[in-house]
Protein backbone atom coordinates (compact mmCIF):
# COMPACT_ATOMS: atom_id res chain seq x y z
CA UNK A 1 35.07 49.35 -92.91
CA UNK A 2 37.16 51.77 -92.50
CA UNK A 3 37.93 55.27 -93.80
CA UNK A 4 41.45 54.91 -93.89
CA UNK A 5 42.80 52.23 -96.93
CA UNK A 6 46.11 51.58 -94.61
CA UNK A 7 43.50 49.86 -91.83
CA UNK A 8 41.52 48.36 -94.50
CA UNK A 9 44.58 46.76 -96.18
CA UNK A 10 46.02 45.36 -92.55
CA UNK A 11 42.85 43.72 -92.00
CA UNK A 12 42.32 41.90 -95.43
CA UNK A 13 45.98 41.01 -94.78
CA UNK A 14 45.77 39.25 -91.36
CA UNK A 15 42.29 37.74 -92.63
CA UNK A 16 42.65 36.87 -96.06
CA UNK A 17 45.75 34.11 -94.63
CA UNK A 18 42.79 32.45 -93.19
CA UNK A 19 40.87 31.72 -96.05
CA UNK A 20 38.24 34.76 -95.61
CA UNK A 21 37.45 37.07 -98.79
CA UNK A 22 36.72 40.81 -98.03
CA UNK A 23 34.64 43.55 -99.29
CA UNK A 24 35.72 46.90 -98.59
CA UNK A 25 33.62 49.89 -97.97
CA UNK A 26 35.64 54.01 -96.93
CA UNK A 27 32.26 55.39 -94.98
CA UNK A 28 29.27 54.25 -92.97
CA UNK A 29 26.66 54.54 -96.67
CA UNK A 30 28.72 52.82 -98.69
CA UNK A 31 29.27 50.23 -95.97
CA UNK A 32 25.21 49.90 -95.99
CA UNK A 33 24.80 49.84 -100.12
CA UNK A 34 27.64 47.10 -99.88
CA UNK A 35 25.65 44.73 -97.41
CA UNK A 36 22.29 45.62 -98.71
CA UNK A 37 24.02 44.66 -102.33
CA UNK A 38 25.68 41.24 -101.03
CA UNK A 39 25.02 40.65 -96.95
CA UNK A 40 28.46 39.23 -95.86
CA UNK A 41 28.42 36.78 -92.42
CA UNK A 42 30.69 39.02 -90.49
CA UNK A 43 31.43 42.68 -90.40
CA UNK A 44 33.97 44.45 -89.29
CA UNK A 45 33.55 48.23 -88.42
CA UNK A 46 35.23 51.29 -87.46
CA UNK A 47 33.09 53.64 -85.31
CA UNK A 48 34.98 56.87 -86.50
CA UNK A 49 34.16 57.39 -89.92
CA UNK A 50 33.33 60.47 -91.67
CA UNK A 51 29.40 61.08 -92.15
CA UNK A 52 27.62 58.40 -90.74
CA UNK A 53 29.77 56.68 -87.84
CA UNK A 54 29.75 53.18 -86.90
CA UNK A 55 27.21 53.45 -83.99
CA UNK A 56 24.41 54.64 -86.71
CA UNK A 57 25.21 52.08 -88.99
CA UNK A 58 25.22 49.32 -86.52
CA UNK A 59 22.22 50.37 -85.48
CA UNK A 60 20.84 50.59 -89.00
CA UNK A 61 22.05 47.10 -89.52
CA UNK A 62 20.43 45.94 -86.55
CA UNK A 63 17.08 47.48 -87.15
CA UNK A 64 16.98 45.66 -90.65
CA UNK A 65 15.35 42.48 -90.40
CA UNK A 66 17.12 41.13 -93.56
CA UNK A 67 20.69 42.23 -91.71
CA UNK A 68 20.16 42.06 -87.95
CA UNK A 69 21.42 38.68 -87.46
CA UNK A 70 24.86 39.54 -89.74
CA UNK A 71 27.75 39.46 -86.25
CA UNK A 72 29.39 42.76 -86.10
CA UNK A 73 33.23 43.38 -84.67
CA UNK A 74 33.36 47.09 -84.00
CA UNK A 75 37.33 47.70 -84.25
CA UNK A 76 38.36 51.52 -83.17
CA UNK A 77 41.19 53.38 -81.40
CA UNK A 78 38.79 54.35 -78.50
CA UNK A 79 39.02 52.32 -75.68
CA UNK A 80 37.28 53.33 -72.73
CA UNK A 81 34.46 52.05 -70.68
CA UNK A 82 31.50 54.39 -72.37
CA UNK A 83 33.05 53.84 -75.61
CA UNK A 84 32.71 49.94 -75.70
CA UNK A 85 29.11 50.04 -74.08
CA UNK A 86 27.91 52.48 -76.79
CA UNK A 87 29.05 50.34 -79.64
CA UNK A 88 27.47 47.07 -77.86
CA UNK A 89 24.65 49.13 -77.02
CA UNK A 90 24.39 49.89 -80.70
CA UNK A 91 24.36 45.79 -81.78
CA UNK A 92 28.02 44.99 -82.17
CA UNK A 93 29.09 41.25 -80.56
CA UNK A 94 32.27 42.20 -80.23
CA UNK A 95 34.72 44.91 -79.53
CA UNK A 96 38.72 45.40 -80.29
CA UNK A 97 40.75 48.00 -80.03
CA UNK A 98 43.14 49.36 -82.00
CA UNK A 99 46.18 47.89 -82.68
CA UNK A 100 44.51 44.94 -83.26
CA UNK A 101 46.29 41.38 -81.98
CA UNK A 102 45.92 39.13 -85.55
CA UNK A 103 45.37 36.33 -83.43
CA UNK A 104 42.68 37.66 -81.44
CA UNK A 105 41.31 38.75 -84.44
CA UNK A 106 40.99 35.95 -86.55
CA UNK A 107 39.79 33.61 -83.01
CA UNK A 108 36.69 36.33 -83.23
CA UNK A 109 36.32 35.97 -86.10
CA UNK A 110 36.10 32.02 -86.97
CA UNK A 111 33.53 31.94 -83.61
CA UNK A 112 31.02 34.79 -84.92
CA UNK A 113 31.16 32.75 -88.45
CA UNK A 114 30.46 29.47 -86.40
CA UNK A 115 27.64 31.62 -84.30
CA UNK A 116 26.47 32.67 -87.66
CA UNK A 117 26.28 29.46 -89.54
CA UNK A 118 24.37 27.62 -86.24
CA UNK A 119 21.56 31.02 -86.83
CA UNK A 120 21.40 30.42 -90.58
CA UNK A 121 20.52 26.44 -89.69
CA UNK A 122 18.03 27.14 -87.55
CA UNK A 123 16.04 29.76 -89.21
CA UNK A 124 16.53 27.74 -92.61
CA UNK A 125 15.31 24.79 -90.25
CA UNK A 126 12.45 27.21 -88.64
CA UNK A 127 10.91 28.41 -92.21
CA UNK A 128 11.00 24.49 -93.85
CA UNK A 129 9.22 23.73 -90.03
CA UNK A 130 6.40 26.01 -90.53
CA UNK A 131 6.37 25.49 -94.25
CA UNK A 132 5.59 21.58 -93.34
CA UNK A 133 2.86 22.56 -90.61
CA UNK A 134 0.84 25.21 -92.99
CA UNK A 135 1.09 22.21 -95.96
CA UNK A 136 -0.42 19.62 -93.08
CA UNK A 137 -2.64 22.40 -91.96
CA UNK A 138 -3.97 22.60 -95.26
CA UNK A 139 -4.24 18.85 -95.70
CA UNK A 140 -6.75 18.03 -92.63
CA UNK A 141 -9.01 21.43 -93.36
CA UNK A 142 -9.33 19.66 -96.70
CA UNK A 143 -10.15 16.45 -95.54
CA UNK A 144 -12.70 17.79 -93.07
CA UNK A 145 -14.39 19.63 -95.79
CA UNK A 146 -13.98 16.38 -97.69
CA UNK A 147 -15.77 13.82 -94.85
CA UNK A 148 -18.31 17.08 -94.21
CA UNK A 149 -19.59 17.14 -97.29
CA UNK A 150 -19.87 13.36 -97.18
CA UNK A 151 -21.85 12.74 -94.34
CA UNK A 152 -24.21 15.38 -95.44
CA UNK A 153 -25.04 13.37 -98.80
CA UNK A 154 -28.64 11.97 -98.01
CA UNK A 155 -27.26 8.38 -99.34
CA UNK A 156 -24.04 7.80 -97.31
CA UNK A 157 -26.27 9.05 -94.45
CA UNK A 158 -28.58 6.28 -94.80
CA UNK A 159 -25.63 3.57 -95.38
CA UNK A 160 -24.45 5.05 -92.22
CA UNK A 161 -27.24 4.72 -89.93
CA UNK A 162 -28.61 8.35 -90.28
CA UNK A 163 -32.64 8.31 -90.37
CA UNK A 164 -33.89 8.24 -93.53
CA UNK A 165 -36.66 6.31 -95.72
CA UNK A 166 -35.51 2.58 -96.87
CA UNK A 167 -37.68 -0.12 -98.71
CA UNK A 168 -36.34 -2.88 -96.11
CA UNK A 169 -38.35 -3.80 -93.50
CA UNK A 170 -36.99 -4.09 -89.65
CA UNK A 171 -36.37 -7.69 -89.42
CA UNK A 172 -38.26 -7.96 -86.22
CA UNK A 173 -41.61 -6.83 -88.10
CA UNK A 174 -40.86 -9.34 -90.75
CA UNK A 175 -40.90 -12.53 -88.33
CA UNK A 176 -43.16 -11.56 -86.38
CA UNK A 177 -45.58 -11.64 -89.34
CA UNK A 178 -44.27 -14.82 -89.98
CA UNK A 179 -44.78 -16.27 -87.20
CA UNK A 180 -48.64 -17.47 -86.71
CA UNK A 181 -50.42 -16.98 -82.99
CA UNK A 182 -49.86 -19.73 -80.55
CA UNK A 183 -52.19 -22.32 -80.18
CA UNK A 184 -53.48 -21.73 -83.85
CA UNK A 185 -53.04 -24.49 -86.18
CA UNK A 186 -55.06 -23.31 -89.40
CA UNK A 187 -52.19 -21.29 -90.98
CA UNK A 188 -49.34 -22.58 -93.02
CA UNK A 189 -46.58 -24.72 -91.17
CA UNK A 190 -44.45 -23.36 -89.44
CA UNK A 191 -42.58 -23.73 -85.92
CA UNK A 192 -44.64 -22.19 -82.70
CA UNK A 193 -44.12 -21.77 -78.90
CA UNK A 194 -45.98 -24.02 -77.16
CA UNK A 195 -45.25 -22.39 -74.10
CA UNK A 196 -42.57 -22.00 -71.43
CA UNK A 197 -40.57 -25.33 -70.73
CA UNK A 198 -42.19 -27.01 -73.70
CA UNK A 199 -40.10 -27.93 -76.92
CA UNK A 200 -41.17 -26.55 -79.99
CA UNK A 201 -43.15 -28.88 -82.46
CA UNK A 202 -42.58 -29.05 -85.60
CA UNK A 203 -45.60 -28.35 -87.84
CA UNK A 204 -45.77 -29.34 -91.80
CA UNK A 205 -43.07 -27.65 -93.39
CA UNK A 206 -40.12 -26.63 -91.59
CA UNK A 207 -40.04 -23.31 -92.53
CA UNK A 208 -37.35 -21.17 -90.99
């Protein structure tokens, strides 16, 4: 993004040999429109442009969540320390001065493209992970609701040992009712305990 066509053409010649596809803009406003239409992977931005300068363009790009992760290389004839700090403070990742060295430009672009690819992968992975966590939490919430509904049901509650009315008598009470009083031999036959230390005596039928 440079207001001078000669500079734009020079950058295209330098980077097209590396296999990069370039889209150019002649002003800050046009640059923002181009980025909004088709976000690039790296932005080469001149500082001194008519209308909106490079610092304002960088600040707007970095302030937009949709474009804040796009690396920016500022390219300008300004070479003072103040201009470099101002450009970096606006959000630029790299700063190159004119005339641009082709080798240095290609290396910096390559490094920023690699960082951009890592950042895109991390963002995509984070979104996928958040979606999986959200889905699992939804399923857990649904399971909890089903379990609570089942626990609140009276029929299921009795099967799980919850208090409730039932037709079955306790087993201990049934056993007590079947056993005649010790020493009373007038009842129906059964096994009767004769006392401590004595063997059980079979009386009549062997009803167990």
